[in-house]
Amino acid sequence: MLSAECGITTALAAYLKQKRKDAKLSRRALAEKSLIPEPTIRRFENTGHISLKNFLLLWMILDDIARFMELTKPKAIKPKTIAEVLAYDK
């Protein structure tokens, strides 16, 4: 496993764990609300390991899925030259 990947997954797990706590939800309450087994939530919070489907379910409950969807939109390319600016306007 890439060390960067491990850092990303643990950071996402820590973020959603904090969101759960901010919402004053126990793991059990989140499990009931998300239909994700409590041990799966515990494992995710402790290791960062979870399926994409379950991760997205947790994100939808604990945060705004639109924020996550923004990551899928292509970035606007900023022109670097006058020629690029003029070509963009056409």
PDB file of N, CA and C in Angstrom:
ATOM      1  N   MET A   1       0.854  -1.178   0.000  1.00  0.00           N
ATOM      2  CA  MET A   1       0.000   0.000   0.000  1.00  0.00           C
ATOM      3  C   MET A   1       0.902   1.243   0.000  1.00  0.00           C
ATOM      4  N   LEU A   2       0.519   2.223  -0.763  1.00  0.00           N
ATOM      5  CA  LEU A   2       1.269   3.473  -0.807  1.00  0.00           C
ATOM      6  C   LEU A   2       1.101   4.229   0.504  1.00  0.00           C
ATOM      7  N   SER A   3       2.185   4.813   0.978  1.00  0.00           N
ATOM      8  CA  SER A   3       2.086   5.547   2.242  1.00  0.00           C
ATOM      9  C   SER A   3       1.178   6.762   2.103  1.00  0.00           C
ATOM     10  N   ALA A   4       1.171   7.398   0.930  1.00  0.00           N
ATOM     11  CA  ALA A   4       0.284   8.550   0.726  1.00  0.00           C
ATOM     12  C   ALA A   4      -1.173   8.116   0.791  1.00  0.00           C
ATOM     13  N   GLU A   5      -1.480   6.955   0.216  1.00  0.00           N
ATOM     14  CA  GLU A   5      -2.851   6.439   0.259  1.00  0.00           C
ATOM     15  C   GLU A   5      -3.279   6.215   1.695  1.00  0.00           C
ATOM     16  N   CYS A   6      -2.402   5.668   2.511  1.00  0.00           N
ATOM     17  CA  CYS A   6      -2.712   5.413   3.917  1.00  0.00           C
ATOM     18  C   CYS A   6      -3.009   6.724   4.641  1.00  0.00           C
ATOM     19  N   GLY A   7      -2.239   7.748   4.355  1.00  0.00           N
ATOM     20  CA  GLY A   7      -2.468   9.042   4.982  1.00  0.00           C
ATOM     21  C   GLY A   7      -3.794   9.649   4.574  1.00  0.00           C
ATOM     22  N   ILE A   8      -4.167   9.477   3.333  1.00  0.00           N
ATOM     23  CA  ILE A   8      -5.431  10.026   2.838  1.00  0.00           C
ATOM     24  C   ILE A   8      -6.606   9.308   3.487  1.00  0.00           C
ATOM     25  N   THR A   9      -6.554   7.991   3.527  1.00  0.00           N
ATOM     26  CA  THR A   9      -7.686   7.248   4.087  1.00  0.00           C
ATOM     27  C   THR A   9      -7.836   7.505   5.580  1.00  0.00           C
ATOM     28  N   THR A  10      -6.720   7.605   6.293  1.00  0.00           N
ATOM     29  CA  THR A  10      -6.836   7.884   7.727  1.00  0.00           C
ATOM     30  C   THR A  10      -7.311   9.310   7.964  1.00  0.00           C
ATOM     31  N   ALA A  11      -6.916  10.235   7.103  1.00  0.00           N
ATOM     32  CA  ALA A  11      -7.393  11.621   7.242  1.00  0.00           C
ATOM     33  C   ALA A  11      -8.893  11.699   6.978  1.00  0.00           C
ATOM     34  N   LEU A  12      -9.373  10.984   5.965  1.00  0.00           N
ATOM     35  CA  LEU A  12     -10.817  10.970   5.682  1.00  0.00           C
ATOM     36  C   LEU A  12     -11.581  10.315   6.830  1.00  0.00           C
ATOM     37  N   ALA A  13     -11.026   9.240   7.375  1.00  0.00           N
ATOM     38  CA  ALA A  13     -11.670   8.572   8.505  1.00  0.00           C
ATOM     39  C   ALA A  13     -11.736   9.503   9.714  1.00  0.00           C
ATOM     40  N   ALA A  14     -10.648  10.207   9.996  1.00  0.00           N
ATOM     41  CA  ALA A  14     -10.628  11.132  11.130  1.00  0.00           C
ATOM     42  C   ALA A  14     -11.620  12.269  10.917  1.00  0.00           C
ATOM     43  N   TYR A  15     -11.717  12.744   9.685  1.00  0.00           N
ATOM     44  CA  TYR A  15     -12.647  13.827   9.372  1.00  0.00           C
ATOM     45  C   TYR A  15     -14.095  13.392   9.623  1.00  0.00           C
ATOM     46  N   LEU A  16     -14.466  12.208   9.106  1.00  0.00           N
ATOM     47  CA  LEU A  16     -15.850  11.754   9.282  1.00  0.00           C
ATOM     48  C   LEU A  16     -16.127  11.356  10.734  1.00  0.00           C
ATOM     49  N   LYS A  17     -15.126  10.860  11.435  1.00  0.00           N
ATOM     50  CA  LYS A  17     -15.311  10.557  12.859  1.00  0.00           C
ATOM     51  C   LYS A  17     -15.623  11.844  13.620  1.00  0.00           C
ATOM     52  N   GLN A  18     -14.882  12.914  13.312  1.00  0.00           N
ATOM     53  CA  GLN A  18     -15.144  14.194  13.974  1.00  0.00           C
ATOM     54  C   GLN A  18     -16.525  14.730  13.615  1.00  0.00           C
ATOM     55  N   LYS A  19     -16.921  14.571  12.354  1.00  0.00           N
ATOM     56  CA  LYS A  19     -18.263  15.002  11.929  1.00  0.00           C
ATOM     57  C   LYS A  19     -19.330  14.210  12.695  1.00  0.00           C
ATOM     58  N   ARG A  20     -19.096  12.920  12.910  1.00  0.00           N
ATOM     59  CA  ARG A  20     -20.032  12.090  13.677  1.00  0.00           C
ATOM     60  C   ARG A  20     -20.146  12.615  15.098  1.00  0.00           C
ATOM     61  N   LYS A  21     -19.000  12.906  15.704  1.00  0.00           N
ATOM     62  CA  LYS A  21     -19.006  13.410  17.073  1.00  0.00           C
ATOM     63  C   LYS A  21     -19.664  14.785  17.159  1.00  0.00           C
ATOM     64  N   ASP A  22     -19.396  15.640  16.172  1.00  0.00           N
ATOM     65  CA  ASP A  22     -20.021  16.971  16.144  1.00  0.00           C
ATOM     66  C   ASP A  22     -21.542  16.861  16.057  1.00  0.00           C
ATOM     67  N   ALA A  23     -22.008  15.823  15.336  1.00  0.00           N
ATOM     68  CA  ALA A  23     -23.450  15.591  15.201  1.00  0.00           C
ATOM     69  C   ALA A  23     -24.029  14.864  16.421  1.00  0.00           C
ATOM     70  N   LYS A  24     -23.149  14.564  17.389  1.00  0.00           N
ATOM     71  CA  LYS A  24     -23.548  13.869  18.616  1.00  0.00           C
ATOM     72  C   LYS A  24     -24.199  12.510  18.312  1.00  0.00           C
ATOM     73  N   LEU A  25     -23.593  11.801  17.346  1.00  0.00           N
ATOM     74  CA  LEU A  25     -24.061  10.465  16.991  1.00  0.00           C
ATOM     75  C   LEU A  25     -23.076   9.435  17.518  1.00  0.00           C
ATOM     76  N   SER A  26     -23.592   8.415  18.168  1.00  0.00           N
ATOM     77  CA  SER A  26     -22.749   7.289  18.537  1.00  0.00           C
ATOM     78  C   SER A  26     -22.527   6.446  17.285  1.00  0.00           C
ATOM     79  N   ARG A  27     -21.566   5.543  17.354  1.00  0.00           N
ATOM     80  CA  ARG A  27     -21.383   4.630  16.212  1.00  0.00           C
ATOM     81  C   ARG A  27     -22.653   3.814  15.983  1.00  0.00           C
ATOM     82  N   ARG A  28     -23.287   3.419  17.064  1.00  0.00           N
ATOM     83  CA  ARG A  28     -24.512   2.622  16.944  1.00  0.00           C
ATOM     84  C   ARG A  28     -25.604   3.429  16.235  1.00  0.00           C
ATOM     85  N   ALA A  29     -25.772   4.692  16.631  1.00  0.00           N
ATOM     86  CA  ALA A  29     -26.799   5.533  15.999  1.00  0.00           C
ATOM     87  C   ALA A  29     -26.483   5.763  14.524  1.00  0.00           C
ATOM     88  N   LEU A  30     -25.207   5.975  14.212  1.00  0.00           N
ATOM     89  CA  LEU A  30     -24.821   6.144  12.811  1.00  0.00           C
ATOM     90  C   LEU A  30     -25.053   4.856  12.033  1.00  0.00           C
ATOM     91  N   ALA A  31     -24.782   3.728  12.647  1.00  0.00           N
ATOM     92  CA  ALA A  31     -25.019   2.438  11.994  1.00  0.00           C
ATOM     93  C   ALA A  31     -26.506   2.265  11.674  1.00  0.00           C
ATOM     94  N   GLU A  32     -27.357   2.618  12.609  1.00  0.00           N
ATOM     95  CA  GLU A  32     -28.798   2.502  12.379  1.00  0.00           C
ATOM     96  C   GLU A  32     -29.267   3.447  11.275  1.00  0.00           C
ATOM     97  N   LYS A  33     -28.713   4.636  11.269  1.00  0.00           N
ATOM     98  CA  LYS A  33     -29.106   5.639  10.284  1.00  0.00           C
ATOM     99  C   LYS A  33     -28.597   5.302   8.880  1.00  0.00           C
ATOM    100  N   SER A  34     -27.390   4.744   8.798  1.00  0.00           N
ATOM    101  CA  SER A  34     -26.757   4.466   7.502  1.00  0.00           C
ATOM    102  C   SER A  34     -26.969   3.046   6.999  1.00  0.00           C
ATOM    103  N   LEU A  35     -27.420   2.158   7.875  1.00  0.00           N
ATOM    104  CA  LEU A  35     -27.547   0.726   7.582  1.00  0.00           C
ATOM    105  C   LEU A  35     -26.191   0.066   7.328  1.00  0.00           C
ATOM    106  N   ILE A  36     -25.132   0.687   7.839  1.00  0.00           N
ATOM    107  CA  ILE A  36     -23.790   0.122   7.787  1.00  0.00           C
ATOM    108  C   ILE A  36     -23.518  -0.490   9.153  1.00  0.00           C
ATOM    109  N   PRO A  37     -23.056  -1.731   9.205  1.00  0.00           N
ATOM    110  CA  PRO A  37     -22.814  -2.358  10.507  1.00  0.00           C
ATOM    111  C   PRO A  37     -21.847  -1.552  11.374  1.00  0.00           C
ATOM    112  N   GLU A  38     -22.135  -1.507  12.662  1.00  0.00           N
ATOM    113  CA  GLU A  38     -21.294  -0.757  13.600  1.00  0.00           C
ATOM    114  C   GLU A  38     -19.830  -1.193  13.551  1.00  0.00           C
ATOM    115  N   PRO A  39     -19.535  -2.508  13.470  1.00  0.00           N
ATOM    116  CA  PRO A  39     -18.113  -2.903  13.380  1.00  0.00           C
ATOM    117  C   PRO A  39     -17.414  -2.347  12.132  1.00  0.00           C
ATOM    118  N   THR A  40     -18.154  -2.180  11.047  1.00  0.00           N
ATOM    119  CA  THR A  40     -17.573  -1.602   9.833  1.00  0.00           C
ATOM    120  C   THR A  40     -17.211  -0.136  10.066  1.00  0.00           C
ATOM    121  N   ILE A  41     -18.080   0.588  10.744  1.00  0.00           N
ATOM    122  CA  ILE A  41     -17.808   1.987  11.065  1.00  0.00           C
ATOM    123  C   ILE A  41     -16.610   2.085  12.006  1.00  0.00           C
ATOM    124  N   ARG A  42     -16.558   1.213  13.005  1.00  0.00           N
ATOM    125  CA  ARG A  42     -15.438   1.203  13.952  1.00  0.00           C
ATOM    126  C   ARG A  42     -14.131   0.928  13.211  1.00  0.00           C
ATOM    127  N   ARG A  43     -14.133  -0.084  12.331  1.00  0.00           N
ATOM    128  CA  ARG A  43     -12.923  -0.415  11.569  1.00  0.00           C
ATOM    129  C   ARG A  43     -12.492   0.768  10.703  1.00  0.00           C
ATOM    130  N   PHE A  44     -13.456   1.422  10.050  1.00  0.00           N
ATOM    131  CA  PHE A  44     -13.132   2.582   9.220  1.00  0.00           C
ATOM    132  C   PHE A  44     -12.497   3.695  10.054  1.00  0.00           C
ATOM    133  N   GLU A  45     -13.107   3.999  11.182  1.00  0.00           N
ATOM    134  CA  GLU A  45     -12.580   5.074  12.021  1.00  0.00           C
ATOM    135  C   GLU A  45     -11.183   4.755  12.563  1.00  0.00           C
ATOM    136  N   ASN A  46     -10.901   3.478  12.778  1.00  0.00           N
ATOM    137  CA  ASN A  46      -9.608   3.082  13.341  1.00  0.00           C
ATOM    138  C   ASN A  46      -8.531   2.831  12.296  1.00  0.00           C
ATOM    139  N   THR A  47      -8.931   2.406  11.089  1.00  0.00           N
ATOM    140  CA  THR A  47      -7.931   2.012  10.089  1.00  0.00           C
ATOM    141  C   THR A  47      -8.029   2.775   8.772  1.00  0.00           C
ATOM    142  N   GLY A  48      -9.180   3.358   8.500  1.00  0.00           N
ATOM    143  CA  GLY A  48      -9.388   4.012   7.214  1.00  0.00           C
ATOM    144  C   GLY A  48      -9.881   3.061   6.141  1.00  0.00           C
ATOM    145  N   HIS A  49     -10.075   1.782   6.466  1.00  0.00           N
ATOM    146  CA  HIS A  49     -10.508   0.790   5.486  1.00  0.00           C
ATOM    147  C   HIS A  49     -12.027   0.721   5.428  1.00  0.00           C
ATOM    148  N   ILE A  50     -12.586   0.916   4.215  1.00  0.00           N
ATOM    149  CA  ILE A  50     -14.031   0.860   4.012  1.00  0.00           C
ATOM    150  C   ILE A  50     -14.282   0.773   2.515  1.00  0.00           C
ATOM    151  N   SER A  51     -15.417   0.226   2.140  1.00  0.00           N
ATOM    152  CA  SER A  51     -15.760   0.199   0.717  1.00  0.00           C
ATOM    153  C   SER A  51     -16.161   1.607   0.271  1.00  0.00           C
ATOM    154  N   LEU A  52     -16.040   1.846  -1.011  1.00  0.00           N
ATOM    155  CA  LEU A  52     -16.428   3.154  -1.546  1.00  0.00           C
ATOM    156  C   LEU A  52     -17.912   3.411  -1.305  1.00  0.00           C
ATOM    157  N   LYS A  53     -18.734   2.399  -1.501  1.00  0.00           N
ATOM    158  CA  LYS A  53     -20.180   2.547  -1.288  1.00  0.00           C
ATOM    159  C   LYS A  53     -20.473   2.990   0.143  1.00  0.00           C
ATOM    160  N   ASN A  54     -19.875   2.312   1.113  1.00  0.00           N
ATOM    161  CA  ASN A  54     -20.119   2.661   2.516  1.00  0.00           C
ATOM    162  C   ASN A  54     -19.532   4.027   2.867  1.00  0.00           C
ATOM    163  N   PHE A  55     -18.379   4.345   2.300  1.00  0.00           N
ATOM    164  CA  PHE A  55     -17.791   5.663   2.529  1.00  0.00           C
ATOM    165  C   PHE A  55     -18.742   6.760   2.057  1.00  0.00           C
ATOM    166  N   LEU A  56     -19.288   6.590   0.858  1.00  0.00           N
ATOM    167  CA  LEU A  56     -20.206   7.591   0.315  1.00  0.00           C
ATOM    168  C   LEU A  56     -21.484   7.691   1.142  1.00  0.00           C
ATOM    169  N   LEU A  57     -21.973   6.567   1.644  1.00  0.00           N
ATOM    170  CA  LEU A  57     -23.157   6.597   2.516  1.00  0.00           C
ATOM    171  C   LEU A  57     -22.872   7.409   3.782  1.00  0.00           C
ATOM    172  N   LEU A  58     -21.715   7.172   4.380  1.00  0.00           N
ATOM    173  CA  LEU A  58     -21.355   7.929   5.575  1.00  0.00           C
ATOM    174  C   LEU A  58     -21.200   9.410   5.255  1.00  0.00           C
ATOM    175  N   TRP A  59     -20.563   9.701   4.132  1.00  0.00           N
ATOM    176  CA  TRP A  59     -20.374  11.106   3.751  1.00  0.00           C
ATOM    177  C   TRP A  59     -21.720  11.790   3.559  1.00  0.00           C
ATOM    178  N   MET A  60     -22.664  11.110   2.917  1.00  0.00           N
ATOM    179  CA  MET A  60     -23.988  11.698   2.665  1.00  0.00           C
ATOM    180  C   MET A  60     -24.704  12.030   3.966  1.00  0.00           C
ATOM    181  N   ILE A  61     -24.489  11.235   4.993  1.00  0.00           N
ATOM    182  CA  ILE A  61     -25.149  11.461   6.274  1.00  0.00           C
ATOM    183  C   ILE A  61     -24.426  12.540   7.083  1.00  0.00           C
ATOM    184  N   LEU A  62     -23.115  12.546   7.022  1.00  0.00           N
ATOM    185  CA  LEU A  62     -22.336  13.415   7.904  1.00  0.00           C
ATOM    186  C   LEU A  62     -21.891  14.733   7.273  1.00  0.00           C
ATOM    187  N   ASP A  63     -21.963  14.831   5.962  1.00  0.00           N
ATOM    188  CA  ASP A  63     -21.499  16.033   5.277  1.00  0.00           C
ATOM    189  C   ASP A  63     -22.370  16.241   4.035  1.00  0.00           C
ATOM    190  N   ASP A  64     -22.052  17.242   3.274  1.00  0.00           N
ATOM    191  CA  ASP A  64     -22.794  17.574   2.066  1.00  0.00           C
ATOM    192  C   ASP A  64     -22.158  16.852   0.882  1.00  0.00           C
ATOM    193  N   ILE A  65     -22.883  15.940   0.264  1.00  0.00           N
ATOM    194  CA  ILE A  65     -22.343  15.160  -0.845  1.00  0.00           C
ATOM    195  C   ILE A  65     -21.978  16.058  -2.028  1.00  0.00           C
ATOM    196  N   ALA A  66     -22.606  17.211  -2.139  1.00  0.00           N
ATOM    197  CA  ALA A  66     -22.271  18.144  -3.224  1.00  0.00           C
ATOM    198  C   ALA A  66     -20.817  18.594  -3.115  1.00  0.00           C
ATOM    199  N   ARG A  67     -20.322  18.753  -1.883  1.00  0.00           N
ATOM    200  CA  ARG A  67     -18.910  19.124  -1.698  1.00  0.00           C
ATOM    201  C   ARG A  67     -17.997  18.043  -2.253  1.00  0.00           C
ATOM    202  N   PHE A  68     -18.374  16.807  -2.024  1.00  0.00           N
ATOM    203  CA  PHE A  68     -17.580  15.685  -2.517  1.00  0.00           C
ATOM    204  C   PHE A  68     -17.657  15.615  -4.043  1.00  0.00           C
ATOM    205  N   MET A  69     -18.844  15.859  -4.590  1.00  0.00           N
ATOM    206  CA  MET A  69     -19.037  15.808  -6.040  1.00  0.00           C
ATOM    207  C   MET A  69     -18.229  16.879  -6.766  1.00  0.00           C
ATOM    208  N   GLU A  70     -17.921  17.966  -6.094  1.00  0.00           N
ATOM    209  CA  GLU A  70     -17.101  19.023  -6.703  1.00  0.00           C
ATOM    210  C   GLU A  70     -15.748  18.478  -7.159  1.00  0.00           C
ATOM    211  N   LEU A  71     -15.278  17.444  -6.493  1.00  0.00           N
ATOM    212  CA  LEU A  71     -13.990  16.846  -6.856  1.00  0.00           C
ATOM    213  C   LEU A  71     -14.019  16.207  -8.236  1.00  0.00           C
ATOM    214  N   THR A  72     -15.207  15.868  -8.732  1.00  0.00           N
ATOM    215  CA  THR A  72     -15.317  15.191 -10.022  1.00  0.00           C
ATOM    216  C   THR A  72     -15.432  16.153 -11.195  1.00  0.00           C
ATOM    217  N   LYS A  73     -15.603  17.425 -10.912  1.00  0.00           N
ATOM    218  CA  LYS A  73     -15.744  18.404 -11.979  1.00  0.00           C
ATOM    219  C   LYS A  73     -14.371  18.782 -12.523  1.00  0.00           C
ATOM    220  N   PRO A  74     -14.290  18.929 -13.842  1.00  0.00           N
ATOM    221  CA  PRO A  74     -12.993  19.326 -14.409  1.00  0.00           C
ATOM    222  C   PRO A  74     -12.599  20.726 -13.951  1.00  0.00           C
ATOM    223  N   LYS A  75     -11.319  20.904 -13.748  1.00  0.00           N
ATOM    224  CA  LYS A  75     -10.816  22.216 -13.348  1.00  0.00           C
ATOM    225  C   LYS A  75     -10.801  23.138 -14.556  1.00  0.00           C
ATOM    226  N   ALA A  76     -11.142  24.377 -14.322  1.00  0.00           N
ATOM    227  CA  ALA A  76     -11.057  25.372 -15.378  1.00  0.00           C
ATOM    228  C   ALA A  76      -9.585  25.650 -15.660  1.00  0.00           C
ATOM    229  N   ILE A  77      -9.253  25.651 -16.924  1.00  0.00           N
ATOM    230  CA  ILE A  77      -7.873  25.913 -17.320  1.00  0.00           C
ATOM    231  C   ILE A  77      -7.700  27.417 -17.470  1.00  0.00           C
ATOM    232  N   LYS A  78      -6.767  27.953 -16.724  1.00  0.00           N
ATOM    233  CA  LYS A  78      -6.509  29.385 -16.783  1.00  0.00           C
ATOM    234  C   LYS A  78      -5.538  29.657 -17.933  1.00  0.00           C
ATOM    235  N   PRO A  79      -5.901  30.589 -18.798  1.00  0.00           N
ATOM    236  CA  PRO A  79      -4.989  30.916 -19.898  1.00  0.00           C
ATOM    237  C   PRO A  79      -3.697  31.529 -19.367  1.00  0.00           C
ATOM    238  N   LYS A  80      -2.603  31.209 -20.061  1.00  0.00           N
ATOM    239  CA  LYS A  80      -1.291  31.697 -19.636  1.00  0.00           C
ATOM    240  C   LYS A  80      -0.755  32.786 -20.562  1.00  0.00           C
ATOM    241  N   THR A  81      -1.340  32.886 -21.758  1.00  0.00           N
ATOM    242  CA  THR A  81      -0.869  33.882 -22.715  1.00  0.00           C
ATOM    243  C   THR A  81      -2.055  34.650 -23.264  1.00  0.00           C
ATOM    244  N   ILE A  82      -1.785  35.780 -23.894  1.00  0.00           N
ATOM    245  CA  ILE A  82      -2.824  36.566 -24.550  1.00  0.00           C
ATOM    246  C   ILE A  82      -3.477  35.745 -25.661  1.00  0.00           C
ATOM    247  N   ALA A  83      -2.687  34.989 -26.390  1.00  0.00           N
ATOM    248  CA  ALA A  83      -3.211  34.168 -27.473  1.00  0.00           C
ATOM    249  C   ALA A  83      -4.232  33.158 -26.935  1.00  0.00           C
ATOM    250  N   GLU A  84      -3.950  32.578 -25.781  1.00  0.00           N
ATOM    251  CA  GLU A  84      -4.885  31.632 -25.172  1.00  0.00           C
ATOM    252  C   GLU A  84      -6.159  32.328 -24.736  1.00  0.00           C
ATOM    253  N   VAL A  85      -6.055  33.526 -24.221  1.00  0.00           N
ATOM    254  CA  VAL A  85      -7.245  34.306 -23.825  1.00  0.00           C
ATOM    255  C   VAL A  85      -8.095  34.581 -25.045  1.00  0.00           C
ATOM    256  N   LEU A  86      -7.470  35.031 -26.117  1.00  0.00           N
ATOM    257  CA  LEU A  86      -8.220  35.344 -27.345  1.00  0.00           C
ATOM    258  C   LEU A  86      -8.833  34.089 -27.946  1.00  0.00           C
ATOM    259  N   ALA A  87      -8.123  32.961 -27.888  1.00  0.00           N
ATOM    260  CA  ALA A  87      -8.662  31.716 -28.435  1.00  0.00           C
ATOM    261  C   ALA A  87      -9.821  31.214 -27.597  1.00  0.00           C
ATOM    262  N   TYR A  88      -9.796  31.464 -26.290  1.00  0.00           N
ATOM    263  CA  TYR A  88     -10.866  31.027 -25.386  1.00  0.00           C
ATOM    264  C   TYR A  88     -12.172  31.754 -25.669  1.00  0.00           C
ATOM    265  N   ASP A  89     -12.090  33.007 -26.018  1.00  0.00           N
ATOM    266  CA  ASP A  89     -13.288  33.819 -26.262  1.00  0.00           C
ATOM    267  C   ASP A  89     -14.022  33.418 -27.538  1.00  0.00           C
ATOM    268  N   LYS A  90     -13.406  32.693 -28.424  1.00  0.00           N
ATOM    269  CA  LYS A  90     -14.030  32.338 -29.710  1.00  0.00           C
ATOM    270  C   LYS A  90     -15.037  31.234 -29.568  1.00  0.00           C
TER     271      LYS A  90
END
